[in-house]
């Protein structure tokens, strides 16, 4: 291929990644951030009172979320790097949503604590997984903007999370005999599962085995990462020894 053809293929490949993976990761992170704060909104609607929980018991449940979160961050990331993200990432989302849906069944502080631990346990590898996927598909110069996009999901969750919670908590209290906070958790859990299922169809695996890339785009995706990691650009002349040494000295990873 000529340099112009390579550049055209590079842009096509990057556009495919931006269309399929980036919006899906951002949506999943948006739901993830909503899930972290859902018990705070449920508490305002009377969850702590209905479960007869003291402030100490409530704080213990909140802390146990982070205990589970820390336990699985590293091993979960290692598992993701060895298997298909298209399966692992949505599976994590569905797995943390199931305890959320079960939370309205809680009748004691102990049940609340167990469920919060399980939610954190399954959420732990998710954010490192997002970072791993982003760095596995984009080259160094493209990373800052893409990371800023999915980091924006946290801001969006802060903007829309409150009004969404208020709409459910104010209009659904007593519906079918359930308190509003129970409806709130059921709806958020169900939406998370739906987004997880959607993620299976939109997320990629790795550059060599993703269905929505053509063979040429798959090869380009792999070539981009090799080039970003310090490989030689085939459209440029070979470097001299001194130019190679200069690049090595400038690279912080050398």
Protein backbone atom coordinates (compact mmCIF):
# COMPACT_ATOMS: atom_id res chain seq x y z
CA UNK A 1 0.00 0.00 0.00
CA UNK A 2 1.07 3.58 -0.60
CA UNK A 3 1.30 6.07 2.25
CA UNK A 4 -2.01 7.65 1.22
CA UNK A 5 -3.76 4.28 1.17
CA UNK A 6 -2.40 3.41 4.59
CA UNK A 7 -3.56 6.72 6.01
CA UNK A 8 -7.02 6.25 4.49
CA UNK A 9 -7.27 2.77 5.99
CA UNK A 10 -6.04 4.11 9.33
CA UNK A 11 -8.82 6.71 9.41
CA UNK A 12 -11.44 4.12 8.46
CA UNK A 13 -10.26 1.80 11.22
CA UNK A 14 -10.21 4.53 13.84
CA UNK A 15 -13.68 5.65 12.79
CA UNK A 16 -15.02 2.11 13.23
CA UNK A 17 -13.55 1.94 16.73
CA UNK A 18 -15.01 5.35 17.60
CA UNK A 19 -18.45 4.34 16.36
CA UNK A 20 -18.66 0.90 17.97
CA UNK A 21 -16.50 0.79 21.08
CA UNK A 22 -16.20 4.33 22.46
CA UNK A 23 -19.94 5.12 22.82
CA UNK A 24 -20.59 1.67 24.33
CA UNK A 25 -17.85 2.04 26.94
CA UNK A 26 -19.11 5.53 27.78
CA UNK A 27 -22.69 4.29 28.22
CA UNK A 28 -21.56 1.38 30.38
CA UNK A 29 -19.49 3.71 32.57
CA UNK A 30 -22.48 6.06 32.87
CA UNK A 31 -24.59 3.18 34.20
CA UNK A 32 -21.71 2.10 36.43
CA UNK A 33 -21.49 5.52 38.07
CA UNK A 34 -25.26 5.60 38.54
CA UNK A 35 -25.09 2.21 40.21
CA UNK A 36 -22.49 3.38 42.72
CA UNK A 37 -24.70 6.20 43.94
CA UNK A 38 -28.08 4.44 43.84
CA UNK A 39 -28.11 3.48 47.54
CA UNK A 40 -27.59 7.13 48.48
CA UNK A 41 -30.79 8.05 46.65
CA UNK A 42 -32.55 4.98 48.09
CA UNK A 43 -31.53 6.07 51.58
CA UNK A 44 -33.17 9.45 51.06
CA UNK A 45 -36.37 7.61 50.08
CA UNK A 46 -36.40 5.61 53.31
CA UNK A 47 -34.37 2.48 52.65
CA UNK A 48 -32.34 2.76 55.86
CA UNK A 49 -35.47 3.35 57.90
CA UNK A 50 -37.37 0.45 56.33
CA UNK A 51 -34.50 -1.98 56.98
CA UNK A 52 -34.15 -0.74 60.56
CA UNK A 53 -30.49 0.05 60.08
CA UNK A 54 -28.36 2.20 62.34
CA UNK A 55 -25.91 4.69 60.87
CA UNK A 56 -23.06 2.36 61.82
CA UNK A 57 -24.64 -0.55 59.96
CA UNK A 58 -25.30 1.62 56.94
CA UNK A 59 -21.68 2.81 56.89
CA UNK A 60 -20.49 -0.79 57.20
CA UNK A 61 -22.52 -1.74 54.13
CA UNK A 62 -21.06 1.16 52.16
CA UNK A 63 -17.52 0.16 53.21
CA UNK A 64 -18.04 -3.47 52.24
CA UNK A 65 -18.72 -2.36 48.69
CA UNK A 66 -15.15 -1.07 48.48
CA UNK A 67 -13.77 -4.19 50.15
CA UNK A 68 -15.24 -6.32 47.36
CA UNK A 69 -14.13 -3.74 44.80
CA UNK A 70 -10.49 -3.87 45.88
CA UNK A 71 -10.37 -7.68 46.07
CA UNK A 72 -11.23 -8.20 42.39
CA UNK A 73 -9.54 -5.26 40.67
CA UNK A 74 -6.21 -6.94 39.93
CA UNK A 75 -7.30 -10.56 39.28
CA UNK A 76 -10.26 -9.35 37.22
CA UNK A 77 -7.98 -7.26 35.00
CA UNK A 78 -5.66 -10.23 34.47
CA UNK A 79 -8.61 -12.42 33.48
CA UNK A 80 -9.87 -9.78 31.03
CA UNK A 81 -6.46 -9.56 29.33
CA UNK A 82 -6.54 -13.31 28.63
CA UNK A 83 -10.14 -13.74 27.47
CA UNK A 84 -12.67 -11.98 25.25
CA UNK A 85 -13.68 -8.50 26.53
CA UNK A 86 -16.85 -8.74 24.47
CA UNK A 87 -17.98 -11.46 26.89
CA UNK A 88 -16.22 -10.50 30.14
CA UNK A 89 -17.21 -6.81 30.27
CA UNK A 90 -20.96 -7.32 29.71
CA UNK A 91 -20.88 -10.32 32.06
CA UNK A 92 -19.47 -8.14 34.84
CA UNK A 93 -22.22 -5.61 34.28
CA UNK A 94 -24.95 -8.24 34.42
CA UNK A 95 -23.41 -9.83 37.50
CA UNK A 96 -23.35 -6.58 39.50
CA UNK A 97 -26.91 -5.80 38.35
CA UNK A 98 -28.36 -9.04 39.71
CA UNK A 99 -27.58 -8.17 43.38
CA UNK A 100 -28.95 -4.68 42.75
CA UNK A 101 -32.25 -6.14 41.58
CA UNK A 102 -32.27 -8.45 44.61
CA UNK A 103 -31.73 -5.60 47.06
CA UNK A 104 -35.46 -4.80 47.41
CA UNK A 105 -35.80 -8.29 48.91
CA UNK A 106 -33.56 -7.33 51.83
CA UNK A 107 -35.22 -7.41 55.22
CA UNK A 108 -32.18 -6.90 57.46
CA UNK A 109 -28.92 -4.95 57.68
CA UNK A 110 -26.97 -8.17 57.12
CA UNK A 111 -28.63 -8.72 53.75
CA UNK A 112 -27.82 -5.16 52.71
CA UNK A 113 -24.15 -5.65 53.65
CA UNK A 114 -23.84 -8.91 51.72
CA UNK A 115 -25.41 -7.43 48.60
CA UNK A 116 -23.24 -4.33 48.66
CA UNK A 117 -20.16 -6.52 48.98
CA UNK A 118 -21.27 -8.57 45.94
CA UNK A 119 -21.95 -5.44 43.88
CA UNK A 120 -18.45 -4.14 44.63
CA UNK A 121 -16.96 -7.59 44.00
CA UNK A 122 -18.34 -7.69 40.46
CA UNK A 123 -17.72 -4.01 39.72
CA UNK A 124 -14.05 -4.11 40.76
CA UNK A 125 -12.49 -5.18 37.43
CA UNK A 126 -14.76 -3.00 35.29
CA UNK A 127 -12.98 0.37 35.34
CA UNK A 128 -9.49 -1.18 34.87
CA UNK A 129 -11.05 -3.16 32.03
CA UNK A 130 -12.24 0.04 30.35
CA UNK A 131 -8.74 1.51 30.63
CA UNK A 132 -7.20 -1.70 29.26
CA UNK A 133 -9.54 -1.81 26.27
CA UNK A 134 -8.93 1.84 25.45
CA UNK A 135 -5.16 1.47 25.54
CA UNK A 136 -5.42 -1.74 23.47
CA UNK A 137 -7.21 -0.02 20.60
CA UNK A 138 -5.94 3.55 20.45
CA UNK A 139 -2.43 4.84 19.85
CA UNK A 140 -0.74 7.23 22.25
CA UNK A 141 -1.79 10.43 20.48
CA UNK A 142 -5.44 9.34 20.40
CA UNK A 143 -5.75 8.24 24.02
CA UNK A 144 -6.21 11.58 25.88
CA UNK A 145 -9.32 12.62 23.95
CA UNK A 146 -10.94 9.16 24.13
CA UNK A 147 -10.26 8.86 27.83
CA UNK A 148 -11.75 12.32 28.34
CA UNK A 149 -14.90 11.17 26.52
CA UNK A 150 -15.57 8.19 28.77
CA UNK A 151 -14.49 10.09 31.88
CA UNK A 152 -17.31 12.47 30.95
CA UNK A 153 -19.71 9.68 31.86
CA UNK A 154 -19.13 10.52 35.52
CA UNK A 155 -20.12 14.14 34.95
CA UNK A 156 -23.19 13.05 33.00
CA UNK A 157 -24.21 10.69 35.79
CA UNK A 158 -24.01 13.59 38.26
CA UNK A 159 -26.10 15.78 35.96
CA UNK A 160 -28.83 13.25 35.12
CA UNK A 161 -28.67 10.89 38.10
CA UNK A 162 -30.46 13.22 40.49
CA UNK A 163 -33.40 14.10 38.22
CA UNK A 164 -33.82 10.46 37.18
CA UNK A 165 -33.89 9.34 40.80
CA UNK A 166 -36.30 12.13 41.75
CA UNK A 167 -38.67 11.20 38.95
CA UNK A 168 -38.86 7.58 40.07
CA UNK A 169 -38.90 8.20 43.81
CA UNK A 170 -41.62 10.85 43.64
CA UNK A 171 -44.01 9.10 41.24
CA UNK A 172 -43.73 5.37 42.00
CA UNK A 173 -44.05 5.18 45.80
CA UNK A 174 -46.71 2.64 46.73
CA UNK A 175 -47.11 1.33 43.19
CA UNK A 176 -47.93 -2.40 43.38
CA UNK A 177 -47.40 -2.15 47.11
CA UNK A 178 -43.67 -1.37 46.83
CA UNK A 179 -41.80 1.55 48.34
CA UNK A 180 -40.27 3.99 45.85
CA UNK A 181 -36.68 3.01 46.69
CA UNK A 182 -37.46 -0.59 45.72
CA UNK A 183 -38.75 0.51 42.32
CA UNK A 184 -35.69 2.68 41.91
CA UNK A 185 -33.28 -0.21 42.48
CA UNK A 186 -35.31 -2.61 40.33
CA UNK A 187 -35.38 -0.18 37.40
CA UNK A 188 -31.67 0.66 37.62
CA UNK A 189 -30.74 -3.01 37.85
CA UNK A 190 -32.93 -3.92 34.87
CA UNK A 191 -31.49 -1.10 32.75
CA UNK A 192 -27.96 -2.23 33.64
CA UNK A 193 -28.73 -5.74 32.44
CA UNK A 194 -30.13 -4.42 29.16
CA UNK A 195 -27.03 -2.29 28.60
CA UNK A 196 -24.86 -5.31 29.40
CA UNK A 197 -26.65 -7.36 26.75
CA UNK A 198 -26.19 -4.52 24.26
CA UNK A 199 -22.50 -4.42 25.12
CA UNK A 200 -22.11 -8.00 23.92
CA UNK A 201 -23.10 -6.92 20.40
CA UNK A 202 -21.13 -3.65 20.32
CA UNK A 203 -17.87 -4.21 22.18
CA UNK A 204 -14.85 -5.64 20.38
CA UNK A 205 -12.53 -8.40 21.51
CA UNK A 206 -8.98 -7.67 20.43
CA UNK A 207 -7.61 -6.31 17.18
CA UNK A 208 -7.17 -9.76 15.62
CA UNK A 209 -10.62 -11.20 16.35
CA UNK A 210 -13.31 -8.52 16.19
CA UNK A 211 -16.31 -9.19 13.98
CA UNK A 212 -17.11 -5.63 12.92
CA UNK A 213 -13.67 -5.04 11.37
CA UNK A 214 -12.74 -6.18 7.87
CA UNK A 215 -9.55 -8.21 7.45
CA UNK A 216 -7.70 -5.10 6.27
CA UNK A 217 -8.99 -3.03 9.18
CA UNK A 218 -8.01 -5.77 11.62
CA UNK A 219 -4.48 -5.78 10.26
CA UNK A 220 -4.37 -1.98 10.44
CA UNK A 221 -5.60 -2.03 14.06
CA UNK A 222 -2.70 -4.32 14.96
CA UNK A 223 -0.22 -2.28 12.90
CA UNK A 224 -1.28 0.96 14.63
CA UNK A 225 -0.48 -0.45 18.05
CA UNK A 226 2.87 -1.86 16.94
CA UNK A 227 3.77 1.52 15.49
CA UNK A 228 2.62 3.34 18.64
CA UNK A 229 4.74 1.01 20.78
CA UNK A 230 7.87 1.96 18.87
CA UNK A 231 7.70 -0.08 15.68
CA UNK A 232 8.96 1.25 12.36
CA UNK A 233 6.59 3.14 10.06
CA UNK A 234 6.75 1.41 6.66
CA UNK A 235 6.05 4.68 4.84
CA UNK A 236 9.23 6.31 6.18
CA UNK A 237 12.88 5.67 5.47
CA UNK A 238 14.98 3.65 7.92
CA UNK A 239 16.38 5.56 10.86
CA UNK A 240 20.08 6.00 11.35
CA UNK A 241 21.72 4.66 14.50
CA UNK A 242 21.87 8.16 15.99
CA UNK A 243 18.22 8.90 15.21
CA UNK A 244 17.23 5.59 16.81
CA UNK A 245 19.28 6.41 19.91
CA UNK A 246 17.69 9.85 20.10
CA UNK A 247 14.17 8.37 19.98
CA UNK A 248 15.09 5.82 22.63
CA UNK A 249 16.34 8.54 24.96
CA UNK A 250 13.14 10.53 24.46
CA UNK A 251 10.87 7.56 25.23
CA UNK A 252 10.10 7.46 29.00
CA UNK A 253 9.51 3.70 28.81
CA UNK A 254 13.01 2.95 27.46
